[in-house]
Each structure stands twice: as structure tokens, then as C-alpha cells.
Amino acid sequence: MMTDTHEHKKAKQVSAEERHQRRAFRNAMSAGLKRTYGRVAEKSVPDEFMQLLHAADRKAKA
């Protein structure tokens, strides 16, 4: 017989101030990550890397 081994933890009550602090932290982290990695996502992929990907695809299909 299968049983549900996942235990649900009750959410602990937190104050409005703590919720605000957590939200502010998440927003700051999100903004920092976007600022840091947004530029990376805009860069083009090098031709050599694309050639490696195409070669891997061809090998996987063979």
C-alpha cells in the first residue's frame, strides 16, 4: 500500500513587518540578478559553441 510520505508544514504566522522585509529582500535580489545577468542574456552565442551544439545534435540523431 502506498502512503503519502510528504509532510505538510504549517505556515508560521509572521508579522507584517517581517513579510515586508522578506518582500523587500526578494525584490532587491531580483533586481540585482536582472542587472547582473541581463547583459549576459543579450550577448550572442559564439559560432564555435553553436557548431558544437549542432554536432552533438547530429550525433544524437544518428
Foldseek 3Di string as FASTA:
>chain_A
DDDDPDDDDDDDDDDPVVVVVVVVVVVVVVVVCCVVCVVVVPDDDDPVVVVVVVVVVVVVVD
